[in-house]
Amino acid sequence: MIDVAIDILSWILLVLGGACVLIGGIGGLRLPNFYTRIHAASLTDTMATILIFVGMILQAGLSLAAIKLFAIMLFLLLTGPTATYALANAALLSGLKPDDGSASDAPKANNLPKEGAGE
């Protein structure tokens, strides 16, 4: 009975972790600028890491594999946010300014030259 409960809980965690990855991917496509995109990716990546690894640790039980999974999870939880900070800082130092949210990185349709303007 307890084995079934652990299996169900671990699969719920794995599915929720996969959903976090999917939401982060959608956020990367839908959000307006670089800084909001990496913010969404970082948050969902960290949450997905926790959920997926806890689900795998529950599946592994008390074993050497569970200890290794826990060590990998800690490594990813330390390096993921650090890499996101380094990426955002490098973008800022290279001249990419954060905006107030009203503009996007994508070119706007009204900035395109009018037809026949160059003739």
N, C-alpha and C. Protein backbone atom coordinates (compact mmCIF):
# COMPACT_ATOMS: atom_id res chain seq x y z
N MET A 1 0.82 -1.20 0.00
CA MET A 1 0.00 0.00 0.00
C MET A 1 0.86 1.26 0.00
N ILE A 2 1.90 1.27 0.84
CA ILE A 2 2.76 2.45 0.90
C ILE A 2 3.57 2.61 -0.38
N ASP A 3 3.91 1.48 -1.02
CA ASP A 3 4.64 1.53 -2.28
C ASP A 3 3.82 2.20 -3.37
N VAL A 4 2.53 1.91 -3.39
CA VAL A 4 1.64 2.53 -4.38
C VAL A 4 1.54 4.03 -4.13
N ALA A 5 1.45 4.43 -2.85
CA ALA A 5 1.36 5.86 -2.52
C ALA A 5 2.64 6.59 -2.92
N ILE A 6 3.79 5.98 -2.69
CA ILE A 6 5.06 6.60 -3.07
C ILE A 6 5.16 6.70 -4.59
N ASP A 7 4.73 5.66 -5.29
CA ASP A 7 4.74 5.71 -6.76
C ASP A 7 3.83 6.82 -7.29
N ILE A 8 2.64 6.93 -6.73
CA ILE A 8 1.71 7.98 -7.18
C ILE A 8 2.29 9.36 -6.90
N LEU A 9 2.83 9.56 -5.70
CA LEU A 9 3.41 10.85 -5.35
C LEU A 9 4.60 11.19 -6.25
N SER A 10 5.44 10.21 -6.51
CA SER A 10 6.61 10.48 -7.36
C SER A 10 6.18 10.82 -8.78
N TRP A 11 5.17 10.13 -9.31
CA TRP A 11 4.70 10.45 -10.66
C TRP A 11 4.03 11.82 -10.71
N ILE A 12 3.33 12.19 -9.66
CA ILE A 12 2.74 13.54 -9.61
C ILE A 12 3.85 14.59 -9.64
N LEU A 13 4.90 14.37 -8.87
CA LEU A 13 6.03 15.32 -8.86
C LEU A 13 6.72 15.38 -10.21
N LEU A 14 6.89 14.24 -10.86
CA LEU A 14 7.53 14.21 -12.18
C LEU A 14 6.68 14.95 -13.22
N VAL A 15 5.38 14.75 -13.18
CA VAL A 15 4.50 15.43 -14.14
C VAL A 15 4.48 16.93 -13.87
N LEU A 16 4.43 17.33 -12.59
CA LEU A 16 4.47 18.76 -12.26
C LEU A 16 5.80 19.39 -12.69
N GLY A 17 6.89 18.66 -12.53
CA GLY A 17 8.18 19.16 -12.99
C GLY A 17 8.21 19.34 -14.50
N GLY A 18 7.64 18.38 -15.22
CA GLY A 18 7.55 18.52 -16.67
C GLY A 18 6.68 19.70 -17.07
N ALA A 19 5.61 19.94 -16.32
CA ALA A 19 4.75 21.09 -16.60
C ALA A 19 5.51 22.40 -16.36
N CYS A 20 6.35 22.43 -15.34
CA CYS A 20 7.16 23.64 -15.09
C CYS A 20 8.11 23.90 -16.25
N VAL A 21 8.71 22.86 -16.78
CA VAL A 21 9.61 23.02 -17.93
C VAL A 21 8.83 23.55 -19.13
N LEU A 22 7.64 23.01 -19.35
CA LEU A 22 6.80 23.46 -20.46
C LEU A 22 6.39 24.93 -20.29
N ILE A 23 6.01 25.31 -19.09
CA ILE A 23 5.62 26.70 -18.82
C ILE A 23 6.81 27.63 -19.02
N GLY A 24 7.99 27.20 -18.61
CA GLY A 24 9.19 28.01 -18.82
C GLY A 24 9.50 28.19 -20.30
N GLY A 25 9.30 27.14 -21.08
CA GLY A 25 9.51 27.24 -22.52
C GLY A 25 8.52 28.19 -23.17
N ILE A 26 7.27 28.11 -22.76
CA ILE A 26 6.26 29.02 -23.29
C ILE A 26 6.58 30.45 -22.87
N GLY A 27 7.02 30.63 -21.64
CA GLY A 27 7.41 31.96 -21.18
C GLY A 27 8.56 32.53 -21.97
N GLY A 28 9.50 31.67 -22.34
CA GLY A 28 10.62 32.12 -23.17
C GLY A 28 10.18 32.61 -24.54
N LEU A 29 9.10 32.06 -25.03
CA LEU A 29 8.59 32.48 -26.33
C LEU A 29 7.66 33.69 -26.24
N ARG A 30 6.90 33.79 -25.16
CA ARG A 30 5.84 34.79 -25.08
C ARG A 30 6.24 36.09 -24.38
N LEU A 31 7.22 36.06 -23.52
CA LEU A 31 7.54 37.27 -22.75
C LEU A 31 8.26 38.29 -23.63
N PRO A 32 8.15 39.58 -23.28
CA PRO A 32 8.52 40.63 -24.22
C PRO A 32 10.01 40.92 -24.38
N ASN A 33 10.83 40.71 -23.36
CA ASN A 33 12.23 41.10 -23.51
C ASN A 33 13.16 40.09 -22.85
N PHE A 34 14.44 40.31 -23.03
CA PHE A 34 15.46 39.36 -22.59
C PHE A 34 15.41 39.11 -21.09
N TYR A 35 15.31 40.15 -20.30
CA TYR A 35 15.38 40.00 -18.86
C TYR A 35 14.17 39.26 -18.29
N THR A 36 13.00 39.51 -18.83
CA THR A 36 11.82 38.76 -18.36
C THR A 36 11.89 37.31 -18.81
N ARG A 37 12.47 37.08 -19.96
CA ARG A 37 12.61 35.69 -20.44
C ARG A 37 13.54 34.87 -19.56
N ILE A 38 14.70 35.43 -19.22
CA ILE A 38 15.61 34.65 -18.39
C ILE A 38 15.09 34.54 -16.96
N HIS A 39 14.31 35.52 -16.52
CA HIS A 39 13.71 35.43 -15.19
C HIS A 39 12.73 34.26 -15.14
N ALA A 40 11.86 34.17 -16.13
CA ALA A 40 10.89 33.07 -16.18
C ALA A 40 11.59 31.73 -16.33
N ALA A 41 12.59 31.68 -17.18
CA ALA A 41 13.30 30.42 -17.39
C ALA A 41 14.02 29.98 -16.12
N SER A 42 14.61 30.91 -15.41
CA SER A 42 15.33 30.58 -14.19
C SER A 42 14.39 30.06 -13.10
N LEU A 43 13.28 30.74 -12.92
CA LEU A 43 12.34 30.32 -11.88
C LEU A 43 11.75 28.94 -12.17
N THR A 44 11.30 28.76 -13.40
CA THR A 44 10.68 27.47 -13.72
C THR A 44 11.71 26.35 -13.77
N ASP A 45 12.93 26.66 -14.18
CA ASP A 45 13.99 25.66 -14.22
C ASP A 45 14.33 25.18 -12.82
N THR A 46 14.43 26.11 -11.88
CA THR A 46 14.74 25.74 -10.50
C THR A 46 13.62 24.91 -9.88
N MET A 47 12.39 25.33 -10.10
CA MET A 47 11.26 24.59 -9.55
C MET A 47 11.15 23.20 -10.19
N ALA A 48 11.36 23.14 -11.50
CA ALA A 48 11.30 21.85 -12.19
C ALA A 48 12.40 20.92 -11.69
N THR A 49 13.58 21.46 -11.44
CA THR A 49 14.69 20.65 -10.92
C THR A 49 14.30 20.02 -9.59
N ILE A 50 13.73 20.82 -8.71
CA ILE A 50 13.34 20.29 -7.40
C ILE A 50 12.29 19.20 -7.56
N LEU A 51 11.24 19.49 -8.32
CA LEU A 51 10.14 18.53 -8.45
C LEU A 51 10.59 17.23 -9.11
N ILE A 52 11.33 17.34 -10.20
CA ILE A 52 11.76 16.14 -10.92
C ILE A 52 12.73 15.30 -10.10
N PHE A 53 13.68 15.95 -9.46
CA PHE A 53 14.66 15.18 -8.69
C PHE A 53 14.05 14.56 -7.44
N VAL A 54 13.13 15.26 -6.77
CA VAL A 54 12.47 14.65 -5.62
C VAL A 54 11.63 13.45 -6.08
N GLY A 55 10.97 13.58 -7.23
CA GLY A 55 10.23 12.45 -7.77
C GLY A 55 11.13 11.27 -8.08
N MET A 56 12.30 11.53 -8.65
CA MET A 56 13.24 10.43 -8.95
C MET A 56 13.83 9.84 -7.68
N ILE A 57 14.07 10.68 -6.66
CA ILE A 57 14.59 10.17 -5.39
C ILE A 57 13.57 9.25 -4.73
N LEU A 58 12.29 9.63 -4.81
CA LEU A 58 11.24 8.76 -4.26
C LEU A 58 11.19 7.43 -5.00
N GLN A 59 11.40 7.46 -6.31
CA GLN A 59 11.41 6.22 -7.10
C GLN A 59 12.62 5.35 -6.74
N ALA A 60 13.75 5.99 -6.45
CA ALA A 60 14.98 5.24 -6.17
C ALA A 60 14.97 4.61 -4.78
N GLY A 61 14.23 5.20 -3.84
CA GLY A 61 14.22 4.67 -2.48
C GLY A 61 15.52 4.98 -1.76
N LEU A 62 15.77 4.27 -0.68
CA LEU A 62 17.01 4.47 0.07
C LEU A 62 18.12 3.67 -0.59
N SER A 63 18.89 4.35 -1.43
CA SER A 63 19.95 3.66 -2.16
C SER A 63 21.05 4.66 -2.50
N LEU A 64 22.11 4.14 -3.06
CA LEU A 64 23.20 4.98 -3.51
C LEU A 64 22.74 5.90 -4.64
N ALA A 65 21.84 5.41 -5.47
CA ALA A 65 21.32 6.24 -6.56
C ALA A 65 20.59 7.46 -6.02
N ALA A 66 19.86 7.31 -4.92
CA ALA A 66 19.15 8.44 -4.33
C ALA A 66 20.13 9.49 -3.79
N ILE A 67 21.22 9.03 -3.23
CA ILE A 67 22.24 9.97 -2.73
C ILE A 67 22.88 10.72 -3.89
N LYS A 68 23.16 10.02 -4.97
CA LYS A 68 23.73 10.67 -6.15
C LYS A 68 22.75 11.66 -6.75
N LEU A 69 21.47 11.29 -6.82
CA LEU A 69 20.45 12.21 -7.34
C LEU A 69 20.36 13.46 -6.47
N PHE A 70 20.43 13.28 -5.16
CA PHE A 70 20.39 14.42 -4.25
C PHE A 70 21.59 15.34 -4.45
N ALA A 71 22.77 14.76 -4.64
CA ALA A 71 23.97 15.56 -4.88
C ALA A 71 23.87 16.33 -6.20
N ILE A 72 23.36 15.68 -7.23
CA ILE A 72 23.18 16.36 -8.52
C ILE A 72 22.17 17.48 -8.39
N MET A 73 21.08 17.24 -7.63
CA MET A 73 20.07 18.27 -7.43
C MET A 73 20.66 19.49 -6.73
N LEU A 74 21.46 19.26 -5.70
CA LEU A 74 22.10 20.38 -5.00
C LEU A 74 23.01 21.16 -5.93
N PHE A 75 23.78 20.45 -6.75
CA PHE A 75 24.67 21.11 -7.70
C PHE A 75 23.87 21.98 -8.66
N LEU A 76 22.78 21.45 -9.20
CA LEU A 76 21.96 22.21 -10.15
C LEU A 76 21.28 23.40 -9.47
N LEU A 77 20.86 23.23 -8.22
CA LEU A 77 20.22 24.33 -7.50
C LEU A 77 21.20 25.45 -7.17
N LEU A 78 22.47 25.13 -7.06
CA LEU A 78 23.47 26.16 -6.82
C LEU A 78 23.94 26.83 -8.11
N THR A 79 24.08 26.06 -9.17
CA THR A 79 24.64 26.62 -10.40
C THR A 79 23.61 27.28 -11.30
N GLY A 80 22.36 26.84 -11.27
CA GLY A 80 21.33 27.42 -12.14
C GLY A 80 21.10 28.90 -11.91
N PRO A 81 20.76 29.31 -10.69
CA PRO A 81 20.58 30.74 -10.43
C PRO A 81 21.86 31.55 -10.62
N THR A 82 23.00 30.95 -10.32
CA THR A 82 24.27 31.65 -10.52
C THR A 82 24.52 31.90 -11.99
N ALA A 83 24.24 30.93 -12.83
CA ALA A 83 24.40 31.10 -14.27
C ALA A 83 23.43 32.14 -14.82
N THR A 84 22.21 32.16 -14.29
CA THR A 84 21.24 33.16 -14.73
C THR A 84 21.71 34.56 -14.36
N TYR A 85 22.23 34.72 -13.14
CA TYR A 85 22.77 36.02 -12.73
C TYR A 85 23.93 36.43 -13.63
N ALA A 86 24.83 35.50 -13.92
CA ALA A 86 25.98 35.82 -14.77
C ALA A 86 25.52 36.22 -16.17
N LEU A 87 24.53 35.55 -16.70
CA LEU A 87 24.00 35.87 -18.02
C LEU A 87 23.36 37.25 -18.05
N ALA A 88 22.55 37.55 -17.03
CA ALA A 88 21.90 38.87 -16.97
C ALA A 88 22.93 39.97 -16.76
N ASN A 89 23.92 39.73 -15.94
CA ASN A 89 24.96 40.72 -15.70
C ASN A 89 25.79 40.96 -16.96
N ALA A 90 26.12 39.91 -17.69
CA ALA A 90 26.87 40.07 -18.94
C ALA A 90 26.05 40.85 -19.96
N ALA A 91 24.75 40.60 -20.02
CA ALA A 91 23.90 41.34 -20.94
C ALA A 91 23.85 42.82 -20.57
N LEU A 92 23.76 43.10 -19.28
CA LEU A 92 23.72 44.49 -18.82
C LEU A 92 25.04 45.19 -19.11
N LEU A 93 26.15 44.52 -18.86
CA LEU A 93 27.46 45.13 -19.11
C LEU A 93 27.75 45.30 -20.60
N SER A 94 27.13 44.49 -21.44
CA SER A 94 27.34 44.64 -22.88
C SER A 94 26.44 45.70 -23.49
N GLY A 95 25.57 46.30 -22.67
CA GLY A 95 24.78 47.42 -23.16
C GLY A 95 23.30 47.17 -23.32
N LEU A 96 22.82 45.98 -23.03
CA LEU A 96 21.39 45.70 -23.14
C LEU A 96 20.70 46.24 -21.89
N LYS A 97 19.97 47.33 -22.07
CA LYS A 97 19.33 47.99 -20.94
C LYS A 97 17.97 47.37 -20.65
N PRO A 98 17.66 47.19 -19.37
CA PRO A 98 16.31 46.74 -19.02
C PRO A 98 15.32 47.86 -19.30
N ASP A 99 14.14 47.52 -19.77
CA ASP A 99 13.15 48.55 -20.03
C ASP A 99 12.01 48.45 -19.03
N ASP A 100 11.05 49.34 -19.18
CA ASP A 100 9.94 49.39 -18.23
C ASP A 100 8.83 48.40 -18.55
N GLY A 101 9.02 47.58 -19.55
CA GLY A 101 8.02 46.58 -19.90
C GLY A 101 7.11 47.01 -21.03
N SER A 102 7.26 48.24 -21.49
CA SER A 102 6.38 48.71 -22.56
C SER A 102 6.94 48.39 -23.94
N ALA A 103 8.22 48.08 -24.01
CA ALA A 103 8.85 47.78 -25.30
C ALA A 103 9.24 46.31 -25.34
N SER A 104 9.54 45.81 -26.51
CA SER A 104 10.00 44.43 -26.63
C SER A 104 11.23 44.38 -27.51
N ASP A 105 11.90 43.23 -27.51
CA ASP A 105 13.07 43.04 -28.35
C ASP A 105 12.69 42.90 -29.81
N ALA A 106 11.47 42.48 -30.07
CA ALA A 106 11.03 42.24 -31.44
C ALA A 106 10.81 43.57 -32.16
N PRO A 107 11.15 43.65 -33.45
CA PRO A 107 10.90 44.88 -34.19
C PRO A 107 9.40 45.13 -34.32
N LYS A 108 9.03 46.38 -34.20
CA LYS A 108 7.62 46.74 -34.30
C LYS A 108 7.23 46.97 -35.75
N ALA A 109 5.98 46.71 -36.04
CA ALA A 109 5.49 46.86 -37.41
C ALA A 109 5.50 48.32 -37.85
N ASN A 110 5.30 49.26 -36.92
CA ASN A 110 5.26 50.66 -37.32
C ASN A 110 6.66 51.25 -37.55
N ASN A 111 7.70 50.51 -37.25
CA ASN A 111 9.06 50.98 -37.50
C ASN A 111 9.58 50.54 -38.87
N LEU A 112 8.80 49.76 -39.58
CA LEU A 112 9.22 49.29 -40.89
C LEU A 112 9.08 50.42 -41.91
N PRO A 113 9.96 50.48 -42.90
CA PRO A 113 9.83 51.52 -43.92
C PRO A 113 8.57 51.31 -44.74
N LYS A 114 8.00 52.42 -45.17
CA LYS A 114 6.78 52.35 -45.98
C LYS A 114 7.13 51.91 -47.38
N GLU A 115 6.16 51.28 -48.02
CA GLU A 115 6.39 50.81 -49.38
C GLU A 115 6.60 52.00 -50.30
N GLY A 116 7.61 51.91 -51.13
CA GLY A 116 7.89 52.97 -52.08
C GLY A 116 8.65 54.13 -51.49
N ALA A 117 9.03 54.07 -50.21
CA ALA A 117 9.71 55.20 -49.58
C ALA A 117 11.14 55.34 -50.07
N GLY A 118 11.76 54.25 -50.47
CA GLY A 118 13.15 54.31 -50.90
C GLY A 118 13.32 54.52 -52.39
N GLU A 119 12.26 54.67 -53.12
CA GLU A 119 12.36 54.78 -54.58
C GLU A 119 12.54 56.19 -55.02
